[in-house]
Amino acid sequence: MKRIAASVLRFAFYGVGALAIGYLALYAYAMFTGRDLQPGDPIRIFRKPDAPTYSVISTSLRA
């Protein structure tokens, strides 16, 4: 029983380590391939052209 518990614990430890290494690899990829951000640069938010607009208040909703 102790051998099974030690084996499960070892695989859990290896799994957490693999996740951490994967996270660091993705972070390094994003840092090296991402564009440089400068203060004052506009934030570009891409949305579908046919998406509805929610910022305009309809006259029928006003009280």
Protein backbone atom coordinates (compact mmCIF):
# COMPACT_ATOMS: atom_id res chain seq x y z
CA MET A 1 0.00 0.00 0.00
CA LYS A 2 2.83 2.39 0.83
CA ARG A 3 4.47 1.57 -2.49
CA ILE A 4 1.28 2.50 -4.40
CA ALA A 5 0.89 5.74 -2.45
CA ALA A 6 4.52 6.67 -3.09
CA SER A 7 4.07 5.92 -6.78
CA VAL A 8 0.94 8.08 -7.03
CA LEU A 9 2.66 10.88 -5.14
CA ARG A 10 5.68 10.67 -7.43
CA PHE A 11 3.51 10.87 -10.57
CA ALA A 12 1.58 13.82 -9.11
CA PHE A 13 4.89 15.58 -8.40
CA TYR A 14 6.08 14.91 -11.95
CA GLY A 15 2.77 16.15 -13.34
CA VAL A 16 2.99 19.44 -11.43
CA GLY A 17 6.57 19.85 -12.62
CA ALA A 18 5.57 19.20 -16.23
CA LEU A 19 2.78 21.78 -15.97
CA ALA A 20 5.22 24.33 -14.53
CA ILE A 21 7.74 23.72 -17.32
CA GLY A 22 4.98 24.00 -19.93
CA TYR A 23 3.80 27.28 -18.41
CA LEU A 24 7.33 28.67 -18.45
CA ALA A 25 7.78 27.58 -22.07
CA LEU A 26 4.56 29.34 -23.10
CA TYR A 27 5.60 32.44 -21.16
CA ALA A 28 9.00 32.48 -22.88
CA TYR A 29 7.33 32.02 -26.28
CA ALA A 30 4.98 34.94 -25.60
CA MET A 31 7.83 37.15 -24.42
CA PHE A 32 10.03 36.48 -27.44
CA THR A 33 7.34 36.57 -30.13
CA GLY A 34 5.04 39.26 -28.75
CA ARG A 35 5.11 42.83 -29.88
CA ASP A 36 6.60 45.52 -27.69
CA LEU A 37 4.10 47.61 -25.80
CA GLN A 38 4.81 51.29 -25.39
CA PRO A 39 2.98 53.67 -23.06
CA GLY A 40 0.25 55.45 -24.97
CA ASP A 41 -0.24 52.73 -27.59
CA PRO A 42 -3.91 52.15 -28.33
CA ILE A 43 -5.45 48.90 -27.18
CA ARG A 44 -6.77 47.04 -30.20
CA ILE A 45 -9.82 44.94 -29.51
CA PHE A 46 -10.94 42.84 -32.44
CA ARG A 47 -14.59 41.97 -32.77
CA LYS A 48 -16.80 40.59 -35.48
CA PRO A 49 -18.13 43.25 -37.86
CA ASP A 50 -21.69 41.96 -37.54
CA ALA A 51 -21.66 41.88 -33.74
CA PRO A 52 -24.43 43.89 -32.08
CA THR A 53 -23.56 47.18 -30.42
CA TYR A 54 -24.62 47.56 -26.81
CA SER A 55 -23.37 51.08 -26.22
CA VAL A 56 -26.31 52.81 -27.92
CA ILE A 57 -29.37 53.19 -25.70
CA SER A 58 -32.53 52.60 -27.60
CA THR A 59 -35.23 55.28 -27.32
CA SER A 60 -37.79 52.59 -26.50
CA LEU A 61 -35.88 51.64 -23.32
CA ARG A 62 -35.81 55.16 -21.87
CA ALA A 63 -38.31 55.90 -19.15
